[in-house]
């Protein structure tokens, strides 16, 4: 008669142990400050998980994602049709034809005809409890380039984080975005002509801080090597050579001219930036973020060598400063219906450069400078754009680019008289799913001095058609 009650009591006792352990783990993991899926610290302040890892040795420290990083491949194809050959805005790129590479090297520009602009390969994931890693490659028909390859810390206290490697700078808003993030087929003039075709990306360190404030606030600074064609170009000392063949009494005489360019080697880091973002709370369906940034390059160098034996060099430093704002409204519709995004940025750039012009003389080396004077380049640019989801899966956008409102520039050593240039752009996009997007865009380039110049037209219409297709897992985009 006692067997059944004893068996029942024994069964309940055995079950109570794992149930109690499970309940204890659940309770501790839900304590304030505990990370999801981990236990809170013990009363002595030691994290049991970290304590077990330390006791077990380094072999126990794993990422938990060792064989399953997030991998994605994004194809970006474009068709372009232009009413006439498109030039750079006067005062930028010397006013010459801005070819976007024309098949040579890595480029984010658009040419006429069909082109596979880029295949983007991204691999990212946690390395261990202390670091994340991200590698992004840009593959074109001509080359493979590491666009970004960096690590970020995961466990620094008090909202601090460090990024190390090659990355797009966090100055401004659109600079850190890749092609698939853009709301238009091409990038704003501001990013393209002030920082270069690929934006401000460099190798170095970034330090950022999220202070414990009520509203989102993030501030940081970067220490970069300083290799950017827009603000921190560096060439250094190198030999320039020219070979000339002269006939002396019917006998060819080969003469080689060779000399150093006169630029100094300047080791990095050469570029230092500051940035900050602030996002006040303006309601459940609305969000706005303000940003400010600045940077200083201790070295900006450039040179142009002509077949006649004339060498032009520019050597000095530069700085820039910018403001940006982004507003987003969630229309609560299906697949983006009713959503609104408004954004704009302004950037001012100044270069203080020494301009020198020299030519090879009869001694097969450079003679005394024929021109040696200080020049001050001061230029600015802005863009404003808006995108509206007018139907499920559909959106339309308008963008205004203005560049050269302040345009103190020089073509070689001579002042180039140029004023503001404008571009007006409209686009319509259709996204069958979150992994694919089709887009049609038309732009009108209204450049200063809108007349034929050396056979090239300053004003031009541009029609672009784009597909952007993503395969695999791709992380959520930042605000």
Protein backbone atom coordinates (compact mmCIF):
# COMPACT_ATOMS: atom_id res chain seq x y z
CA UNK A 1 0.00 0.00 0.00
CA UNK A 2 2.97 2.30 0.63
CA UNK A 3 4.64 1.59 -2.70
CA UNK A 4 2.57 3.92 -4.85
CA UNK A 5 2.87 7.00 -2.55
CA UNK A 6 6.65 6.44 -2.21
CA UNK A 7 7.12 6.09 -5.97
CA UNK A 8 5.09 9.21 -6.61
CA UNK A 9 7.10 11.21 -4.05
CA UNK A 10 10.40 9.96 -5.50
CA UNK A 11 9.36 10.94 -9.05
CA UNK A 12 8.33 14.42 -7.96
CA UNK A 13 11.62 14.84 -6.11
CA UNK A 14 13.71 13.88 -9.13
CA UNK A 15 11.80 16.22 -11.42
CA UNK A 16 12.04 19.14 -9.03
CA UNK A 17 15.84 19.42 -9.43
CA UNK A 18 16.01 20.23 -13.18
CA UNK A 19 12.86 22.32 -12.93
CA UNK A 20 14.39 24.41 -10.16
CA UNK A 21 17.63 24.78 -12.08
CA UNK A 22 15.77 25.89 -15.19
CA UNK A 23 13.70 28.37 -13.19
CA UNK A 24 16.85 29.78 -11.55
CA UNK A 25 18.56 30.25 -14.91
CA UNK A 26 15.48 31.94 -16.32
CA UNK A 27 15.17 34.28 -13.36
CA UNK A 28 18.84 35.33 -13.40
CA UNK A 29 18.87 35.89 -17.17
CA UNK A 30 15.98 38.32 -16.86
CA UNK A 31 17.64 40.47 -14.21
CA UNK A 32 18.26 44.10 -15.23
CA UNK A 33 21.59 44.44 -16.99
CA UNK A 34 21.90 40.81 -18.01
CA UNK A 35 22.64 40.20 -21.67
CA UNK A 36 20.04 38.17 -23.59
CA UNK A 37 20.80 34.47 -23.34
CA UNK A 38 23.38 34.91 -20.53
CA UNK A 39 23.25 34.88 -16.77
CA UNK A 40 23.59 37.98 -14.67
CA UNK A 41 26.70 38.47 -12.59
CA UNK A 42 26.93 36.85 -9.17
CA UNK A 43 26.92 38.74 -5.94
CA UNK A 44 30.70 39.13 -6.09
CA UNK A 45 30.42 40.91 -9.48
CA UNK A 46 31.99 38.07 -11.50
CA UNK A 47 30.22 36.88 -14.64
CA UNK A 48 29.91 33.07 -14.23
CA UNK A 49 30.22 32.52 -17.98
CA UNK A 50 33.44 34.54 -18.22
CA UNK A 51 34.76 32.83 -15.07
CA UNK A 52 34.16 29.39 -16.61
CA UNK A 53 35.85 30.46 -19.85
CA UNK A 54 38.89 31.71 -17.96
CA UNK A 55 39.16 28.49 -15.93
CA UNK A 56 38.80 26.35 -19.06
CA UNK A 57 41.52 28.21 -20.94
CA UNK A 58 41.59 29.95 -24.32
CA UNK A 59 40.31 26.88 -26.15
CA UNK A 60 36.87 27.40 -24.58
CA UNK A 61 36.46 30.94 -25.93
CA UNK A 62 34.46 30.63 -29.16
CA UNK A 63 32.27 32.95 -31.20
CA UNK A 64 29.25 30.68 -31.18
CA UNK A 65 29.07 31.50 -34.90
CA UNK A 66 32.33 29.93 -35.99
CA UNK A 67 31.07 28.24 -39.14
CA UNK A 68 28.11 30.48 -39.93
CA UNK A 69 29.05 34.11 -40.63
CA UNK A 70 26.58 36.31 -42.50
CA UNK A 71 27.52 36.18 -46.18
CA UNK A 72 25.86 38.16 -48.96
CA UNK A 73 26.48 38.93 -52.62
CA UNK A 74 24.86 42.01 -54.17
CA UNK A 75 24.83 42.64 -57.92
CA UNK A 76 24.44 46.18 -59.19
CA UNK A 77 23.83 46.65 -62.91
CA UNK A 78 23.13 49.93 -64.70
CA UNK A 79 22.21 51.16 -68.16
CA UNK A 80 23.08 54.79 -69.00
CA UNK A 81 22.00 57.03 -71.86
CA UNK A 82 23.21 60.65 -71.98
CA UNK A 83 22.18 63.50 -74.27
CA UNK A 84 25.84 64.56 -74.57
CA UNK A 85 29.20 63.90 -72.98
CA UNK A 86 29.06 64.72 -69.27
CA UNK A 87 31.73 66.89 -67.66
CA UNK A 88 32.68 67.66 -64.10
CA UNK A 89 31.40 70.89 -62.57
CA UNK A 90 33.90 73.69 -63.36
CA UNK A 91 36.46 74.06 -60.61
CA UNK A 92 36.41 70.33 -59.79
CA UNK A 93 38.75 67.87 -61.46
CA UNK A 94 40.17 70.82 -63.38
CA UNK A 95 36.93 71.16 -65.33
CA UNK A 96 37.99 68.24 -67.52
CA UNK A 97 35.92 65.24 -68.54
CA UNK A 98 35.04 63.26 -65.42
CA UNK A 99 35.21 59.76 -66.84
CA UNK A 100 34.60 57.79 -63.61
CA UNK A 101 37.42 55.51 -64.63
CA UNK A 102 35.96 54.37 -67.98
CA UNK A 103 36.73 50.76 -67.27
CA UNK A 104 40.08 51.36 -65.56
CA UNK A 105 40.09 50.51 -61.89
CA UNK A 106 37.31 50.44 -59.33
CA UNK A 107 34.61 53.07 -59.78
CA UNK A 108 31.11 53.88 -58.59
CA UNK A 109 30.27 56.06 -61.57
CA UNK A 110 27.90 55.41 -64.45
CA UNK A 111 28.92 55.27 -68.11
CA UNK A 112 26.83 55.09 -71.24
CA UNK A 113 25.49 51.70 -72.26
CA UNK A 114 25.15 48.52 -70.21
CA UNK A 115 27.54 47.85 -67.36
CA UNK A 116 27.84 45.60 -64.33
CA UNK A 117 28.94 48.34 -62.00
CA UNK A 118 29.82 46.15 -59.05
CA UNK A 119 29.41 42.77 -57.39
CA UNK A 120 29.59 43.39 -53.66
CA UNK A 121 30.63 40.51 -51.40
CA UNK A 122 30.13 41.04 -47.66
CA UNK A 123 31.14 38.67 -44.85
CA UNK A 124 30.47 39.60 -41.23
CA UNK A 125 29.92 38.05 -37.83
CA UNK A 126 31.15 37.77 -34.24
CA UNK A 127 34.70 36.51 -33.76
CA UNK A 128 34.46 35.83 -30.02
CA UNK A 129 32.88 37.58 -27.02
CA UNK A 130 35.15 40.58 -27.60
CA UNK A 131 35.26 41.35 -31.34
CA UNK A 132 33.11 41.47 -34.46
CA UNK A 133 34.62 41.41 -37.94
CA UNK A 134 33.40 42.66 -41.29
CA UNK A 135 34.95 42.32 -44.76
CA UNK A 136 33.40 43.85 -47.86
CA UNK A 137 34.83 43.38 -51.35
CA UNK A 138 33.94 45.31 -54.49
CA UNK A 139 34.36 43.19 -57.62
CA UNK A 140 34.26 44.71 -61.10
CA UNK A 141 35.20 43.41 -64.54
CA UNK A 142 38.70 44.81 -64.06
CA UNK A 143 39.66 44.42 -60.42
CA UNK A 144 38.85 43.31 -56.89
CA UNK A 145 39.10 45.88 -54.14
CA UNK A 146 38.77 45.66 -50.37
CA UNK A 147 36.22 48.38 -49.71
CA UNK A 148 36.10 47.70 -45.97
CA UNK A 149 37.84 45.21 -43.69
CA UNK A 150 37.71 45.96 -39.98
CA UNK A 151 37.08 44.69 -36.46
CA UNK A 152 34.94 46.35 -33.79
CA UNK A 153 34.99 45.75 -30.06
CA UNK A 154 31.97 44.21 -28.32
CA UNK A 155 32.75 44.40 -24.60
CA UNK A 156 34.19 47.83 -23.77
CA UNK A 157 32.50 49.48 -20.77
CA UNK A 158 30.45 52.68 -20.54
CA UNK A 159 29.36 52.79 -24.20
CA UNK A 160 32.84 53.00 -25.71
CA UNK A 161 33.77 51.20 -28.92
CA UNK A 162 36.90 50.92 -31.08
CA UNK A 163 37.00 50.12 -34.80
CA UNK A 164 40.28 49.17 -36.48
CA UNK A 165 41.12 48.41 -40.11
CA UNK A 166 39.98 49.90 -43.40
CA UNK A 167 36.53 51.49 -43.25
CA UNK A 168 34.34 54.29 -44.52
CA UNK A 169 34.56 57.29 -42.23
CA UNK A 170 31.54 58.23 -40.10
CA UNK A 171 31.80 61.90 -41.10
CA UNK A 172 28.47 63.10 -42.49
CA UNK A 173 25.57 60.78 -43.25
CA UNK A 174 25.85 59.31 -46.74
CA UNK A 175 29.63 58.82 -46.73
CA UNK A 176 29.44 55.52 -44.83
CA UNK A 177 26.82 54.06 -47.21
CA UNK A 178 27.53 51.62 -50.04
CA UNK A 179 25.84 51.55 -53.46
CA UNK A 180 22.98 49.30 -52.31
CA UNK A 181 22.15 51.79 -49.51
CA UNK A 182 21.65 54.75 -51.86
CA UNK A 183 18.14 56.02 -52.64
CA UNK A 184 19.32 57.03 -56.12
CA UNK A 185 21.37 55.30 -58.82
CA UNK A 186 24.36 57.58 -58.27
CA UNK A 187 25.79 59.39 -55.27
CA UNK A 188 25.44 63.11 -54.53
CA UNK A 189 28.01 65.42 -56.07
CA UNK A 190 29.09 66.43 -52.57
CA UNK A 191 30.45 62.98 -51.76
CA UNK A 192 31.82 62.33 -55.25
CA UNK A 193 33.76 65.55 -55.84
CA UNK A 194 34.67 66.61 -52.31
CA UNK A 195 35.92 63.21 -51.07
CA UNK A 196 36.47 61.28 -54.28
CA UNK A 197 34.51 58.68 -56.23
CA UNK A 198 34.54 56.16 -53.37
CA UNK A 199 33.93 58.63 -50.57
CA UNK A 200 36.16 59.12 -47.55
CA UNK A 201 37.47 55.66 -46.72
CA UNK A 202 40.85 54.97 -45.16
CA UNK A 203 42.89 52.73 -42.88
CA UNK A 204 43.20 53.56 -39.21
CA UNK A 205 41.36 53.66 -35.89
CA UNK A 206 37.97 54.99 -34.84
CA UNK A 207 36.99 55.73 -31.24
CA UNK A 208 33.30 56.32 -30.47
CA UNK A 209 31.18 56.82 -27.36
CA UNK A 210 27.47 56.40 -26.66
CA UNK A 211 26.94 58.41 -23.45
CA UNK A 212 24.09 57.36 -21.14
CA UNK A 213 21.75 60.18 -22.18
CA UNK A 214 17.97 60.12 -22.58
CA UNK A 215 18.20 60.83 -26.31
CA UNK A 216 20.52 59.06 -28.72
CA UNK A 217 23.92 60.76 -28.75
CA UNK A 218 27.11 59.48 -30.32
CA UNK A 219 30.45 61.23 -30.63
CA UNK A 220 33.79 60.02 -31.90
CA UNK A 221 37.07 60.71 -33.62
CA UNK A 222 39.21 58.91 -36.17
CA UNK A 223 42.96 58.65 -36.72
CA UNK A 224 43.55 57.69 -40.36
CA UNK A 225 46.54 57.03 -42.59
CA UNK A 226 45.58 59.89 -44.94
CA UNK A 227 45.14 58.49 -48.46
CA UNK A 228 42.12 60.21 -49.98
CA UNK A 229 42.09 62.13 -53.29
CA UNK A 230 39.69 64.73 -51.96
CA UNK A 231 41.19 65.86 -48.68
CA UNK A 232 44.36 63.92 -47.82
CA UNK A 233 46.18 62.87 -50.95
CA UNK A 234 49.81 61.87 -50.42
CA UNK A 235 52.46 61.15 -53.08
CA UNK A 236 55.82 61.65 -51.42
CA UNK A 237 59.25 61.88 -52.97
CA UNK A 238 59.69 60.02 -56.27
CA UNK A 239 61.75 60.32 -59.43
CA UNK A 240 60.15 61.63 -62.61
CA UNK A 241 61.70 60.52 -65.90
CA UNK A 242 61.45 61.57 -69.54
CA UNK A 243 63.24 60.00 -72.52
CA UNK A 244 63.97 62.10 -75.60
CA UNK A 245 65.46 61.02 -78.94
CA UNK A 246 67.32 63.62 -81.01
CA UNK A 247 69.02 63.27 -84.40
CA UNK A 248 72.62 64.47 -84.45
CA UNK A 249 74.02 64.29 -87.99
CA UNK A 250 71.62 61.49 -88.91
CA UNK A 251 72.48 59.47 -85.80
CA UNK A 252 69.77 59.05 -83.13
CA UNK A 253 70.88 60.29 -79.75
CA UNK A 254 68.86 59.11 -76.77
CA UNK A 255 68.71 61.47 -73.80
CA UNK A 256 67.08 60.59 -70.48
CA UNK A 257 65.91 63.35 -68.17
CA UNK A 258 65.36 62.27 -64.55
CA UNK A 259 64.96 64.13 -61.27
CA UNK A 260 63.01 64.08 -58.01
CA UNK A 261 59.59 65.73 -57.87
CA UNK A 262 60.46 67.93 -54.88
CA UNK A 263 57.74 66.51 -52.59
CA UNK A 264 58.60 65.25 -49.12
CA UNK A 265 57.71 61.84 -47.70
CA UNK A 266 55.21 62.36 -44.89
CA UNK A 267 54.42 59.30 -42.82
CA UNK A 268 50.95 58.61 -41.44
CA UNK A 269 48.69 59.11 -39.71
CA UNK A 270 47.94 62.24 -41.73
CA UNK A 271 44.15 62.63 -41.39
CA UNK A 272 42.19 63.29 -38.18
CA UNK A 273 38.39 63.58 -38.04
CA UNK A 274 35.68 64.39 -35.50
CA UNK A 275 31.97 63.54 -35.75
CA UNK A 276 28.84 63.67 -33.62
CA UNK A 277 25.16 62.72 -33.93
CA UNK A 278 22.13 63.66 -31.86
CA UNK A 279 18.58 62.32 -32.21
CA UNK A 280 15.88 63.93 -30.02
CA UNK A 281 12.64 62.07 -29.33
CA UNK A 282 9.91 63.54 -31.59
CA UNK A 283 7.29 60.81 -31.38
CA UNK A 284 6.63 57.16 -32.13
CA UNK A 285 6.23 57.47 -35.91
CA UNK A 286 8.84 60.20 -36.42
CA UNK A 287 12.63 60.24 -36.10
CA UNK A 288 15.23 62.91 -36.76
CA UNK A 289 19.00 62.95 -36.46
CA UNK A 290 21.40 65.89 -36.59
CA UNK A 291 25.10 65.51 -37.34
CA UNK A 292 28.26 67.58 -37.47
CA UNK A 293 31.76 66.59 -38.56
CA UNK A 294 35.18 68.02 -39.32
CA UNK A 295 38.61 66.86 -40.35
CA UNK A 296 42.19 68.04 -40.80
CA UNK A 297 44.83 66.54 -43.08
CA UNK A 298 48.46 67.36 -42.34
CA UNK A 299 49.41 66.50 -45.91
CA UNK A 300 47.78 67.08 -49.28
CA UNK A 301 49.98 66.49 -52.33
CA UNK A 302 49.36 66.21 -56.03
CA UNK A 303 51.40 66.37 -59.23
CA UNK A 304 50.93 66.47 -63.00
CA UNK A 305 53.76 65.62 -65.37
CA UNK A 306 53.52 66.75 -69.00
CA UNK A 307 55.17 65.09 -71.99
CA UNK A 308 57.09 68.31 -72.68
CA UNK A 309 59.07 67.79 -69.47
CA UNK A 310 57.07 70.25 -67.37
CA UNK A 311 56.11 69.19 -63.85
CA UNK A 312 53.41 70.82 -61.71
CA UNK A 313 53.23 70.01 -57.98
CA UNK A 314 50.90 71.02 -55.16
CA UNK A 315 51.93 70.53 -51.53
CA UNK A 316 50.26 71.63 -48.28
CA UNK A 317 47.44 70.67 -45.93
CA UNK A 318 43.63 70.79 -45.85
CA UNK A 319 40.60 70.78 -43.60
CA UNK A 320 36.86 70.31 -43.98
CA UNK A 321 33.66 70.73 -41.97
CA UNK A 322 30.10 69.58 -42.57
CA UNK A 323 26.53 69.45 -41.26
CA UNK A 324 23.82 66.87 -41.96
CA UNK A 325 20.22 66.17 -40.98
CA UNK A 326 17.92 63.19 -41.65
CA UNK A 327 14.19 62.92 -40.95
CA UNK A 328 12.13 59.73 -41.28
CA UNK A 329 8.40 59.13 -40.98
CA UNK A 330 6.95 55.64 -40.64
CA UNK A 331 3.69 55.56 -42.57
CA UNK A 332 2.85 52.11 -41.11
CA UNK A 333 1.91 50.89 -44.58
CA UNK A 334 2.74 47.59 -46.24
CA UNK A 335 6.25 47.36 -47.77
CA UNK A 336 7.11 51.01 -47.16
CA UNK A 337 3.79 52.53 -48.25
CA UNK A 338 3.49 56.01 -46.73
CA UNK A 339 7.09 56.21 -45.53
CA UNK A 340 8.93 59.51 -45.97
CA UNK A 341 12.67 60.17 -45.76
CA UNK A 342 14.18 63.66 -46.02
CA UNK A 343 17.90 64.32 -45.79
CA UNK A 344 20.47 66.96 -46.60
CA UNK A 345 24.16 67.70 -46.11
CA UNK A 346 26.54 70.62 -46.53
CA UNK A 347 30.34 70.36 -46.74
CA UNK A 348 33.06 73.04 -46.91
CA UNK A 349 36.63 72.13 -47.90
CA UNK A 350 39.78 74.28 -47.82
CA UNK A 351 43.31 73.48 -49.06
CA UNK A 352 46.39 75.62 -48.39
CA UNK A 353 48.88 74.56 -51.07
CA UNK A 354 52.23 75.63 -52.45
CA UNK A 355 52.21 75.43 -56.26
CA UNK A 356 55.51 74.87 -58.10
CA UNK A 357 56.09 74.60 -61.85
CA UNK A 358 59.44 73.35 -63.20
CA UNK A 359 60.89 72.00 -66.45
CA UNK A 360 63.82 69.81 -67.39
CA UNK A 361 66.79 71.82 -68.68
CA UNK A 362 69.92 70.95 -70.67
CA UNK A 363 71.51 69.28 -67.64
CA UNK A 364 68.85 66.52 -67.78
CA UNK A 365 67.43 67.65 -64.45
CA UNK A 366 64.91 70.24 -63.32
CA UNK A 367 65.86 73.87 -63.54
CA UNK A 368 64.80 76.58 -61.13
CA UNK A 369 61.00 76.88 -60.62
CA UNK A 370 59.33 79.13 -63.17
CA UNK A 371 56.32 79.49 -60.85
CA UNK A 372 56.38 79.16 -57.07
CA UNK A 373 53.44 80.60 -55.13
CA UNK A 374 50.92 79.80 -52.43
CA UNK A 375 47.33 79.04 -53.41
CA UNK A 376 44.20 78.73 -51.29
CA UNK A 377 41.44 76.46 -52.58
CA UNK A 378 38.07 76.95 -50.89
CA UNK A 379 35.03 75.03 -52.20
CA UNK A 380 31.70 73.76 -50.92
CA UNK A 381 28.79 71.54 -51.91
CA UNK A 382 25.37 70.46 -50.67
CA UNK A 383 22.48 68.19 -51.55
CA UNK A 384 18.90 67.81 -50.34
CA UNK A 385 16.68 64.87 -51.21
CA UNK A 386 13.35 63.32 -50.33
CA UNK A 387 11.86 59.86 -50.92
CA UNK A 388 8.17 58.93 -50.53
CA UNK A 389 6.59 55.47 -50.57
CA UNK A 390 3.57 56.19 -52.74
CA UNK A 391 2.40 52.54 -52.89
CA UNK A 392 3.38 49.17 -51.43
CA UNK A 393 6.85 48.26 -52.80
CA UNK A 394 7.08 51.56 -54.73
CA UNK A 395 8.83 54.83 -53.89
CA UNK A 396 9.76 58.01 -55.74
CA UNK A 397 12.44 60.56 -54.92
CA UNK A 398 13.74 63.99 -55.86
CA UNK A 399 17.25 65.33 -55.28
CA UNK A 400 18.95 68.70 -55.76
CA UNK A 401 22.75 68.93 -55.97
CA UNK A 402 24.56 72.26 -55.75
CA UNK A 403 28.34 72.56 -55.86
CA UNK A 404 30.73 75.49 -55.98
CA UNK A 405 28.66 78.17 -54.18
CA UNK A 406 32.08 79.08 -52.85
CA UNK A 407 34.51 78.19 -55.62
CA UNK A 408 37.98 79.64 -55.09
CA UNK A 409 39.89 77.22 -57.31
CA UNK A 410 42.80 77.19 -59.73
CA UNK A 411 43.53 75.40 -62.99
CA UNK A 412 47.22 74.77 -62.47
CA UNK A 413 48.47 78.04 -61.00
CA UNK A 414 45.86 80.29 -62.62
CA UNK A 415 42.60 81.22 -60.94
CA UNK A 416 39.62 79.46 -62.51
CA UNK A 417 36.55 81.69 -62.68
CA UNK A 418 33.62 79.38 -61.92
CA UNK A 419 30.36 79.68 -60.04
CA UNK A 420 27.63 77.32 -58.78
CA UNK A 421 26.62 74.26 -60.78
CA UNK A 422 23.36 72.36 -60.22
CA UNK A 423 21.94 68.92 -60.90
CA UNK A 424 18.25 68.01 -60.68
CA UNK A 425 17.36 64.32 -60.28
CA UNK A 426 14.20 62.25 -60.03
CA UNK A 427 13.81 58.50 -59.54
CA UNK A 428 11.12 55.80 -59.25
CA UNK A 429 11.94 52.49 -57.57
CA UNK A 430 10.13 49.15 -57.30
CA UNK A 431 11.15 46.48 -54.75
CA UNK A 432 9.49 43.10 -55.43
CA UNK A 433 11.00 41.90 -52.13
CA UNK A 434 13.54 43.15 -49.62
CA UNK A 435 16.23 41.35 -51.68
CA UNK A 436 15.67 43.06 -55.03
CA UNK A 437 15.14 46.56 -56.41
CA UNK A 438 14.54 48.01 -59.86
CA UNK A 439 14.97 51.75 -60.49
CA UNK A 440 14.61 54.34 -63.24
CA UNK A 441 16.24 57.76 -62.89
CA UNK A 442 16.60 60.93 -64.93
CA UNK A 443 18.95 63.84 -64.20
CA UNK A 444 19.64 67.24 -65.70
CA UNK A 445 23.13 68.69 -65.24
CA UNK A 446 23.07 72.49 -65.26
CA UNK A 447 26.75 73.40 -65.07
CA UNK A 448 28.15 76.89 -64.84
CA UNK A 449 29.23 78.27 -68.24
CA UNK A 450 26.56 76.18 -69.98
CA UNK A 451 27.98 76.27 -73.47
CA UNK A 452 30.20 74.12 -75.66
CA UNK A 453 33.81 74.18 -74.49
CA UNK A 454 36.46 72.33 -76.48
CA UNK A 455 33.73 70.27 -78.09
CA UNK A 456 32.19 69.18 -74.79
CA UNK A 457 28.76 70.21 -73.54
CA UNK A 458 28.38 71.50 -69.99
CA UNK A 459 24.64 70.83 -69.76
CA UNK A 460 23.31 67.30 -70.25
CA UNK A 461 20.38 64.96 -69.63
CA UNK A 462 21.11 61.53 -68.13
CA UNK A 463 18.80 58.50 -68.15
CA UNK A 464 19.75 55.56 -65.92
CA UNK A 465 18.13 52.16 -65.33
CA UNK A 466 19.32 50.01 -62.44
CA UNK A 467 18.85 46.59 -60.89
CA UNK A 468 20.20 45.79 -57.43
CA UNK A 469 19.84 42.16 -56.33
CA UNK A 470 20.94 40.68 -52.99
CA UNK A 471 21.69 37.01 -52.35
CA UNK A 472 22.23 35.78 -48.80
CA UNK A 473 22.03 37.36 -45.39
CA UNK A 474 22.72 41.06 -45.10
CA UNK A 475 22.61 42.96 -41.83
CA UNK A 476 20.13 45.71 -41.11
CA UNK A 477 21.18 49.18 -42.22
CA UNK A 478 21.85 51.92 -39.71
CA UNK A 479 19.49 54.87 -39.33
